[in-house]
Amino acid sequence: MCIVALFILDRLAKWLALDLLPSEGFFIIPNMTGLVLERNQGIAYSIYLPQVFLLGLVALIIVFLVNLVIKAYRKKEIYAFVSLCLIIIGAVSNLIDRLRFGYVIDLVVLTGWPVFNLADLYILAGAVWFIIIYFKTKDTITKA
């Protein structure tokens, strides 16, 4: 249920950014930390890939991750399950943006980092958590 709440929080933040964020953004520390609306047509660090290729790639990755989630659920590996769910909800939310707008809505600015959104944080947190689980257990759902 918490995973669903995180997904809704990301969607709500993006909707608010599109509808309410002033064009110059809102900065807590001037031009360094705050909120700004950025329409990211690329992937991480705004690296551009053709949209059709990117949509297909993201869809394939989501299918692969759903397969891993099913395996984690069957093996009762709760930490792997949750970490993969975080990655999936982040990927799905960003995919929804790409399908609906043709770009991903990024809005959080931190000094020294590219502009990002909550879905990006979910993907990063889930991936780091999954890697930690993988190296700690050596018996993960990635094995048959």
Protein backbone atom coordinates (compact mmCIF):
# COMPACT_ATOMS: atom_id res chain seq x y z
CA MET A 1 0.00 0.00 0.00
CA CYS A 2 2.91 2.32 0.73
CA ILE A 3 4.21 1.73 -2.81
CA VAL A 4 0.89 2.95 -4.24
CA ALA A 5 1.07 6.06 -2.02
CA LEU A 6 4.57 6.82 -3.33
CA PHE A 7 3.35 6.48 -6.92
CA ILE A 8 0.45 8.85 -6.22
CA LEU A 9 2.82 11.32 -4.52
CA ASP A 10 5.04 11.42 -7.62
CA ARG A 11 2.07 11.89 -9.96
CA LEU A 12 0.68 14.64 -7.71
CA ALA A 13 4.04 16.45 -7.53
CA LYS A 14 4.32 16.42 -11.33
CA TRP A 15 0.75 17.64 -11.76
CA LEU A 16 1.35 20.48 -9.29
CA ALA A 17 4.62 21.38 -11.02
CA LEU A 18 2.85 21.65 -14.38
CA ASP A 19 -0.10 23.63 -13.03
CA LEU A 20 1.26 25.75 -10.20
CA LEU A 21 5.03 26.14 -10.44
CA PRO A 22 5.96 29.63 -11.64
CA SER A 23 7.97 29.78 -14.87
CA GLU A 24 11.04 31.05 -13.00
CA GLY A 25 10.75 28.24 -10.44
CA PHE A 26 10.73 28.43 -6.67
CA PHE A 27 14.14 28.42 -5.02
CA ILE A 28 14.90 27.92 -1.34
CA ILE A 29 18.53 28.88 -2.01
CA PRO A 30 18.60 31.24 -5.02
CA ASN A 31 19.48 29.40 -8.27
CA MET A 32 20.76 26.40 -6.32
CA THR A 33 18.10 24.40 -4.46
CA GLY A 34 14.38 24.37 -4.99
CA LEU A 35 11.76 23.53 -7.59
CA VAL A 36 11.83 24.27 -11.31
CA LEU A 37 9.84 22.78 -14.16
CA GLU A 38 12.04 20.99 -16.70
CA ARG A 39 10.72 18.96 -19.60
CA ASN A 40 13.29 16.19 -20.05
CA GLN A 41 13.06 14.44 -23.43
CA GLY A 42 16.13 12.33 -22.77
CA ILE A 43 17.14 9.77 -20.17
CA ALA A 44 19.45 10.29 -17.20
CA TYR A 45 21.40 13.55 -17.43
CA SER A 46 19.12 14.51 -20.36
CA ILE A 47 20.96 12.16 -22.75
CA TYR A 48 18.83 12.11 -25.87
CA LEU A 49 17.58 8.86 -27.45
CA PRO A 50 14.92 8.57 -30.17
CA GLN A 51 11.48 8.49 -28.49
CA VAL A 52 10.32 5.22 -30.13
CA PHE A 53 13.52 3.44 -29.06
CA LEU A 54 13.27 4.88 -25.55
CA LEU A 55 9.62 3.85 -25.11
CA GLY A 56 10.38 0.32 -26.30
CA LEU A 57 13.43 0.03 -24.07
CA VAL A 58 11.57 1.24 -20.97
CA ALA A 59 8.67 -1.14 -21.68
CA LEU A 60 11.07 -4.09 -22.00
CA ILE A 61 12.82 -3.17 -18.77
CA ILE A 62 9.49 -2.93 -16.94
CA VAL A 63 8.46 -6.38 -18.23
CA PHE A 64 11.81 -7.81 -17.06
CA LEU A 65 11.42 -6.19 -13.63
CA VAL A 66 7.84 -7.44 -13.24
CA ASN A 67 9.18 -10.95 -13.88
CA LEU A 68 11.73 -10.44 -11.09
CA VAL A 69 9.03 -9.08 -8.75
CA ILE A 70 6.94 -12.20 -9.32
CA LYS A 71 9.95 -14.40 -8.52
CA ALA A 72 10.71 -12.37 -5.38
CA TYR A 73 7.10 -12.67 -4.25
CA ARG A 74 7.07 -16.43 -4.80
CA LYS A 75 10.34 -16.85 -2.90
CA LYS A 76 9.08 -14.53 -0.14
CA GLU A 77 12.08 -12.23 -0.56
CA ILE A 78 10.39 -9.13 0.81
CA TYR A 79 13.35 -6.76 0.53
CA ALA A 80 13.98 -7.68 -3.10
CA PHE A 81 10.24 -7.39 -3.76
CA VAL A 82 10.01 -3.87 -2.29
CA SER A 83 13.21 -2.65 -3.96
CA LEU A 84 12.00 -3.87 -7.36
CA CYS A 85 8.56 -2.34 -6.80
CA LEU A 86 10.24 1.02 -6.17
CA ILE A 87 12.10 0.75 -9.47
CA ILE A 88 8.93 -0.27 -11.31
CA ILE A 89 6.72 2.53 -9.96
CA GLY A 90 9.40 5.08 -10.84
CA ALA A 91 9.79 3.67 -14.34
CA VAL A 92 6.03 3.45 -14.89
CA SER A 93 5.46 7.02 -13.71
CA ASN A 94 8.15 8.36 -16.03
CA LEU A 95 6.77 6.19 -18.85
CA ILE A 96 3.33 7.72 -18.30
CA ASP A 97 4.92 11.16 -18.72
CA ARG A 98 6.63 10.09 -21.96
CA LEU A 99 3.43 8.64 -23.40
CA ARG A 100 1.28 11.58 -22.33
CA PHE A 101 3.60 14.54 -22.96
CA GLY A 102 6.59 13.23 -24.95
CA TYR A 103 8.93 14.11 -22.07
CA VAL A 104 9.46 13.45 -18.36
CA ILE A 105 8.52 16.15 -15.88
CA ASP A 106 11.53 16.93 -13.69
CA LEU A 107 11.20 19.44 -10.88
CA VAL A 108 13.66 19.11 -8.00
CA VAL A 109 16.90 21.10 -8.11
CA LEU A 110 19.77 20.32 -5.75
CA THR A 111 23.15 21.96 -6.08
CA GLY A 112 25.49 19.82 -8.14
CA TRP A 113 22.80 17.41 -9.38
CA PRO A 114 20.74 17.38 -12.55
CA VAL A 115 17.05 18.28 -12.16
CA PHE A 116 15.07 15.16 -11.16
CA ASN A 117 11.67 14.00 -9.88
CA LEU A 118 10.42 11.65 -7.17
CA ALA A 119 10.18 8.75 -9.64
CA ASP A 120 13.92 9.12 -10.30
CA LEU A 121 14.53 8.89 -6.55
CA TYR A 122 12.44 5.72 -6.34
CA ILE A 123 14.43 4.15 -9.18
CA LEU A 124 17.74 5.10 -7.58
CA ALA A 125 16.74 3.96 -4.07
CA GLY A 126 15.30 0.69 -5.38
CA ALA A 127 18.38 -0.04 -7.49
CA VAL A 128 20.83 0.69 -4.66
CA TRP A 129 18.75 -1.39 -2.24
CA PHE A 130 18.55 -4.28 -4.71
CA ILE A 131 22.33 -4.21 -5.31
CA ILE A 132 22.96 -4.28 -1.56
CA ILE A 133 20.58 -7.24 -1.20
CA TYR A 134 22.24 -9.03 -4.09
CA PHE A 135 25.74 -8.75 -2.63
CA LYS A 136 24.62 -9.59 0.91
CA THR A 137 22.62 -12.69 0.09
CA LYS A 138 24.29 -14.08 -3.05
CA ASP A 139 21.04 -16.03 -3.50
CA THR A 140 18.69 -13.62 -5.17
CA ILE A 141 15.73 -13.87 -7.44
CA THR A 142 17.98 -13.24 -10.44
CA LYS A 143 19.10 -16.87 -10.19
CA ALA A 144 16.82 -19.53 -11.62
